[in-house]
C-alpha atoms as a PDB file:
ATOM      1  CA  MET A   1       7.272  55.600  17.899  1.00  0.00           C
ATOM      2  CA  LEU A   2       5.711  52.971  15.549  1.00  0.00           C
ATOM      3  CA  GLY A   3       2.509  54.300  14.492  1.00  0.00           C
ATOM      4  CA  GLY A   4       0.331  56.301  16.019  1.00  0.00           C
ATOM      5  CA  GLU A   5      -0.515  56.559  20.003  1.00  0.00           C
ATOM      6  CA  GLY A   6      -2.296  53.549  20.879  1.00  0.00           C
ATOM      7  CA  ASP A   7      -1.567  51.513  17.809  1.00  0.00           C
ATOM      8  CA  GLY A   8       0.614  49.213  19.411  1.00  0.00           C
ATOM      9  CA  PHE A   9      -1.508  46.203  19.196  1.00  0.00           C
ATOM     10  CA  LYS A  10      -2.037  47.006  15.063  1.00  0.00           C
ATOM     11  CA  VAL A  11       2.055  47.585  14.864  1.00  0.00           C
ATOM     12  CA  ALA A  12       2.594  43.845  16.836  1.00  0.00           C
ATOM     13  CA  MET A  13      -0.317  41.638  14.459  1.00  0.00           C
ATOM     14  CA  SER A  14       1.314  43.843  11.221  1.00  0.00           C
ATOM     15  CA  ALA A  15       4.721  41.906  12.750  1.00  0.00           C
ATOM     16  CA  LEU A  16       3.331  38.880  12.790  1.00  0.00           C
ATOM     17  CA  ASP A  17       2.480  38.650   9.375  1.00  0.00           C
ATOM     18  CA  HIS A  18       5.663  39.495   8.496  1.00  0.00           C
ATOM     19  CA  GLY A  19       7.307  36.701  10.695  1.00  0.00           C
ATOM     20  CA  ARG A  20       4.578  34.346   9.251  1.00  0.00           C
ATOM     21  CA  TYR A  21       6.012  34.834   5.762  1.00  0.00           C
ATOM     22  CA  THR A  22       8.896  33.779   7.163  1.00  0.00           C
ATOM     23  CA  VAL A  23       8.075  30.468   8.614  1.00  0.00           C
ATOM     24  CA  ALA A  24       5.543  30.037   5.841  1.00  0.00           C
ATOM     25  CA  SER A  25       8.422  29.833   3.337  1.00  0.00           C
ATOM     26  CA  GLY A  26      10.346  28.449   5.298  1.00  0.00           C
ATOM     27  CA  ALA A  27       8.654  25.651   5.973  1.00  0.00           C
ATOM     28  CA  VAL A  28       8.763  25.143   1.855  1.00  0.00           C
ATOM     29  CA  GLY A  29      12.803  25.026   2.645  1.00  0.00           C
ATOM     30  CA  ILE A  30      12.217  22.016   4.943  1.00  0.00           C
ATOM     31  CA  ILE A  31      10.236  19.950   2.121  1.00  0.00           C
ATOM     32  CA  GLN A  32      12.993  20.661   0.094  1.00  0.00           C
ATOM     33  CA  ALA A  33      15.370  19.576   2.578  1.00  0.00           C
ATOM     34  CA  CYS A  34      13.237  16.168   3.098  1.00  0.00           C
ATOM     35  CA  LEU A  35      12.987  15.576  -0.537  1.00  0.00           C
ATOM     36  CA  ASP A  36      17.033  16.210  -0.889  1.00  0.00           C
ATOM     37  CA  ALA A  37      17.638  13.674   1.663  1.00  0.00           C
ATOM     38  CA  CYS A  38      14.966  10.954   0.449  1.00  0.00           C
ATOM     39  CA  VAL A  39      15.315  10.827  -2.919  1.00  0.00           C
ATOM     40  CA  PRO A  40      18.881  10.385  -3.081  1.00  0.00           C
ATOM     41  CA  TYR A  41      18.460   7.960  -0.305  1.00  0.00           C
ATOM     42  CA  ALA A  42      15.685   5.775  -1.947  1.00  0.00           C
ATOM     43  CA  LYS A  43      17.723   5.327  -5.194  1.00  0.00           C
ATOM     44  CA  ASP A  44      20.846   3.938  -2.827  1.00  0.00           C
ATOM     45  CA  ARG A  45      18.813   1.919  -0.480  1.00  0.00           C
ATOM     46  CA  LYS A  46      17.600  -1.567  -1.354  1.00  0.00           C
ATOM     47  CA  VAL A  47      15.369  -4.236  -0.180  1.00  0.00           C
ATOM     48  CA  ALA A  48      15.575  -7.871  -1.331  1.00  0.00           C
ATOM     49  CA  GLY A  49      18.420  -6.215  -4.570  1.00  0.00           C
ATOM     50  CA  GLU A  50      15.834  -3.600  -5.509  1.00  0.00           C
ATOM     51  CA  PRO A  51      16.199  -0.031  -4.629  1.00  0.00           C
ATOM     52  CA  ILE A  52      13.590   1.127  -2.773  1.00  0.00           C
ATOM     53  CA  ALA A  53      12.815   4.258  -5.280  1.00  0.00           C
ATOM     54  CA  SER A  54      11.102   1.258  -7.239  1.00  0.00           C
ATOM     55  CA  LYS A  55       8.188   0.903  -4.381  1.00  0.00           C
ATOM     56  CA  GLN A  56       5.118   2.635  -5.372  1.00  0.00           C
ATOM     57  CA  LEU A  57       4.448   3.283  -1.726  1.00  0.00           C
ATOM     58  CA  VAL A  58       8.026   5.092  -1.708  1.00  0.00           C
ATOM     59  CA  GLN A  59       7.314   7.110  -4.964  1.00  0.00           C
ATOM     60  CA  GLN A  60       3.724   8.340  -3.376  1.00  0.00           C
ATOM     61  CA  MET A  61       5.711   9.627  -0.702  1.00  0.00           C
ATOM     62  CA  ILE A  62       8.241  11.202  -2.930  1.00  0.00           C
ATOM     63  CA  ALA A  63       5.010  12.669  -5.055  1.00  0.00           C
ATOM     64  CA  SER A  64       3.148  13.856  -1.705  1.00  0.00           C
ATOM     65  CA  MET A  65       6.600  15.854  -0.694  1.00  0.00           C
ATOM     66  CA  VAL A  66       6.487  17.433  -4.532  1.00  0.00           C
ATOM     67  CA  GLN A  67       3.626  18.621  -4.599  1.00  0.00           C
ATOM     68  CA  GLY A  68       3.486  20.306  -0.680  1.00  0.00           C
ATOM     69  CA  ARG A  69       6.598  21.838  -2.395  1.00  0.00           C
ATOM     70  CA  GLU A  70       4.905  23.277  -5.320  1.00  0.00           C
ATOM     71  CA  ILE A  71       1.642  24.469  -3.427  1.00  0.00           C
ATOM     72  CA  GLY A  72       3.832  25.951  -0.947  1.00  0.00           C
ATOM     73  CA  ARG A  73       6.170  28.066  -3.536  1.00  0.00           C
ATOM     74  CA  LEU A  74       2.650  29.238  -4.531  1.00  0.00           C
ATOM     75  CA  LEU A  75       1.075  30.188  -1.804  1.00  0.00           C
ATOM     76  CA  TYR A  76       4.774  32.152  -0.174  1.00  0.00           C
ATOM     77  CA  TYR A  77       5.012  33.729  -3.181  1.00  0.00           C
ATOM     78  CA  LYS A  78       1.803  35.454  -4.030  1.00  0.00           C
ATOM     79  CA  VAL A  79       2.017  36.517  -0.257  1.00  0.00           C
ATOM     80  CA  GLY A  80       5.590  37.901  -1.309  1.00  0.00           C
ATOM     81  CA  TRP A  81       4.172  39.481  -4.167  1.00  0.00           C
ATOM     82  CA  MET A  82       1.287  41.203  -2.078  1.00  0.00           C
ATOM     83  CA  LYS A  83       3.845  42.703   0.495  1.00  0.00           C
ATOM     84  CA  ASN A  84       5.582  43.993  -2.971  1.00  0.00           C
ATOM     85  CA  THR A  85       2.827  45.654  -4.336  1.00  0.00           C
ATOM     86  CA  GLY A  86       1.574  47.234  -0.587  1.00  0.00           C
ATOM     87  CA  GLN A  87      -1.248  45.319  -0.345  1.00  0.00           C
ATOM     88  CA  ARG A  88      -3.026  43.282   2.938  1.00  0.00           C
ATOM     89  CA  HIS A  89      -2.322  40.005   3.241  1.00  0.00           C
ATOM     90  CA  THR A  90      -3.077  38.862   6.719  1.00  0.00           C
ATOM     91  CA  ARG A  91      -5.645  35.970   5.230  1.00  0.00           C
ATOM     92  CA  GLU A  92      -3.184  35.012   2.694  1.00  0.00           C
ATOM     93  CA  CYS A  93      -0.212  35.114   5.305  1.00  0.00           C
ATOM     94  CA  SER A  94      -2.182  32.762   7.795  1.00  0.00           C
ATOM     95  CA  LEU A  95      -3.425  30.119   5.098  1.00  0.00           C
ATOM     96  CA  ALA A  96       0.221  30.064   3.663  1.00  0.00           C
ATOM     97  CA  LYS A  97       1.834  30.133   7.014  1.00  0.00           C
ATOM     98  CA  TRP A  98      -0.898  26.785   7.856  1.00  0.00           C
ATOM     99  CA  THR A  99      -0.802  25.257   4.859  1.00  0.00           C
ATOM    100  CA  ASN A 100       3.378  24.445   4.641  1.00  0.00           C
ATOM    101  CA  CYS A 101       3.626  24.193   7.778  1.00  0.00           C
ATOM    102  CA  ALA A 102       1.357  21.471   7.853  1.00  0.00           C
ATOM    103  CA  ALA A 103       2.995  20.500   4.802  1.00  0.00           C
ATOM    104  CA  ALA A 104       6.295  20.426   6.185  1.00  0.00           C
ATOM    105  CA  PHE A 105       5.458  18.229   9.037  1.00  0.00           C
ATOM    106  CA  ASP A 106       3.902  15.800   6.623  1.00  0.00           C
ATOM    107  CA  ALA A 107       6.973  15.724   4.547  1.00  0.00           C
ATOM    108  CA  ALA A 108       9.373  15.063   7.125  1.00  0.00           C
ATOM    109  CA  ASN A 109       7.067  12.305   8.524  1.00  0.00           C
ATOM    110  CA  LYS A 110       7.315  10.488   5.282  1.00  0.00           C
ATOM    111  CA  ALA A 111      11.114  10.813   5.012  1.00  0.00           C
ATOM    112  CA  VAL A 112      11.403   9.751   8.844  1.00  0.00           C
ATOM    113  CA  GLU A 113       9.494   6.471   7.083  1.00  0.00           C
ATOM    114  CA  ILE A 114      11.501   6.350   4.183  1.00  0.00           C
ATOM    115  CA  HIS A 115      14.908   6.125   6.191  1.00  0.00           C
ATOM    116  CA  GLY A 116      12.971   3.545   8.747  1.00  0.00           C
ATOM    117  CA  ALA A 117      14.799   3.041  11.646  1.00  0.00           C
ATOM    118  CA  TYR A 118      17.677   5.606  10.307  1.00  0.00           C
ATOM    119  CA  GLY A 119      15.084   8.398  10.478  1.00  0.00           C
ATOM    120  CA  PHE A 120      15.747   8.545  14.139  1.00  0.00           C
ATOM    121  CA  CYS A 121      19.701   8.584  14.540  1.00  0.00           C
ATOM    122  CA  ASP A 122      21.365  11.613  14.052  1.00  0.00           C
ATOM    123  CA  GLU A 123      23.311  10.265  11.221  1.00  0.00           C
ATOM    124  CA  PHE A 124      20.594  11.153   8.792  1.00  0.00           C
ATOM    125  CA  PRO A 125      19.193  15.084   8.947  1.00  0.00           C
ATOM    126  CA  VAL A 126      15.327  13.338   8.512  1.00  0.00           C
ATOM    127  CA  GLU A 127      14.970  13.310  12.298  1.00  0.00           C
ATOM    128  CA  ARG A 128      16.388  17.326  12.358  1.00  0.00           C
ATOM    129  CA  TYR A 129      13.742  17.853   9.599  1.00  0.00           C
ATOM    130  CA  PHE A 130      10.727  16.311  11.704  1.00  0.00           C
ATOM    131  CA  ARG A 131      11.795  18.385  14.933  1.00  0.00           C
ATOM    132  CA  ASN A 132      12.206  21.755  13.098  1.00  0.00           C
ATOM    133  CA  SER A 133       9.069  20.567  11.009  1.00  0.00           C
ATOM    134  CA  ARG A 134       6.665  20.733  14.541  1.00  0.00           C
ATOM    135  CA  GLY A 135       8.325  23.690  15.871  1.00  0.00           C
ATOM    136  CA  ALA A 136       7.365  25.955  12.436  1.00  0.00           C
ATOM    137  CA  MET A 137       3.717  24.460  13.140  1.00  0.00           C
ATOM    138  CA  ILE A 138       4.170  26.099  16.648  1.00  0.00           C
ATOM    139  CA  TYR A 139       5.283  29.065  16.296  1.00  0.00           C
ATOM    140  CA  GLU A 140       3.662  32.471  14.703  1.00  0.00           C
ATOM    141  CA  GLY A 141       0.009  30.845  15.329  1.00  0.00           C
ATOM    142  CA  THR A 142      -0.528  27.342  15.890  1.00  0.00           C
ATOM    143  CA  HIS A 143      -2.305  25.251  13.714  1.00  0.00           C
ATOM    144  CA  GLU A 144      -5.422  25.817  15.235  1.00  0.00           C
ATOM    145  CA  ILE A 145      -5.279  29.520  15.087  1.00  0.00           C
ATOM    146  CA  HIS A 146      -4.588  29.599  11.729  1.00  0.00           C
ATOM    147  CA  THR A 147      -7.699  27.175  11.041  1.00  0.00           C
ATOM    148  CA  VAL A 148     -10.180  29.331  13.106  1.00  0.00           C
ATOM    149  CA  MET A 149      -9.041  32.659  11.452  1.00  0.00           C
ATOM    150  CA  GLN A 150      -9.222  30.661   7.694  1.00  0.00           C
ATOM    151  CA  ALA A 151     -12.796  29.564   8.554  1.00  0.00           C
ATOM    152  CA  GLU A 152     -13.832  33.115   9.927  1.00  0.00           C
ATOM    153  CA  TYR A 153     -12.868  34.933   6.856  1.00  0.00           C
ATOM    154  CA  GLU A 154     -14.620  32.817   4.814  1.00  0.00           C
ATOM    155  CA  LEU A 155     -17.857  33.238   6.772  1.00  0.00           C
ATOM    156  CA  GLY A 156     -17.765  36.620   7.201  1.00  0.00           C
ATOM    157  CA  LEU A 157     -16.251  36.764  10.774  1.00  0.00           C
ATOM    158  CA  ARG A 158     -13.573  38.832   9.932  1.00  0.00           C
ATOM    159  CA  ALA A 159     -12.493  41.084   7.914  1.00  0.00           C
ATOM    160  CA  ASP A 160      -9.408  43.301   8.014  1.00  0.00           C
ATOM    161  CA  LYS A 161      -9.511  46.791   7.742  1.00  0.00           C
ATOM    162  CA  ALA A 162      -6.701  48.900   5.225  1.00  0.00           C
ATOM    163  CA  LEU A 163      -3.605  49.505   5.847  1.00  0.00           C
ATOM    164  CA  ASP A 164      -3.053  53.008   7.936  1.00  0.00           C
ATOM    165  CA  ARG A 165       0.734  52.530   6.700  1.00  0.00           C
ATOM    166  CA  THR A 166       2.557  49.947   4.496  1.00  0.00           C
ATOM    167  CA  LEU A 167       6.508  49.276   3.902  1.00  0.00           C
ATOM    168  CA  PRO A 168       7.405  50.967   0.612  1.00  0.00           C
ATOM    169  CA  THR A 169       6.394  48.821  -2.776  1.00  0.00           C
ATOM    170  CA  PHE A 170       8.932  47.120  -4.591  1.00  0.00           C
ATOM    171  CA  PRO A 171      10.217  48.983  -7.598  1.00  0.00           C
ATOM    172  CA  PHE A 172       9.074  46.846 -10.151  1.00  0.00           C
ATOM    173  CA  ALA A 173      11.134  47.737 -13.720  1.00  0.00           C
END
């Protein structure tokens, strides 16, 4: 038996935190994959004799992806640190999942735009990143669920109780 008698819901909710952490970190991987596809493409693809990388709008889209990646990394690093030190992390995990999945969807949408008509064909991977980023927004709690959770935390309508049991902490040496 996991936990005490009658603790099934608590155990299930703690499993959500672990799943959300995985989705949050995976979303940053989608952003990185979009950058890995778009940067060389933007340098190689020429319009009117110039690479599209020289266009400010393309640069702005690339910069937005970088911003999402770096913010996303910081969020999931914080949650990872909290997990490793045995701290309750439901609020932070929800925020990381919500923020990172939105950033991944935005990055994938921009990647499709940068690739133009090629963004919708399977010759380039960005159409798959777009689908994967949309899926990530749905599982382990939808965008709307996390929006409500974050508002409830901030308004004092939601608070987490201390955990009865935690995973062993990581031995930092």
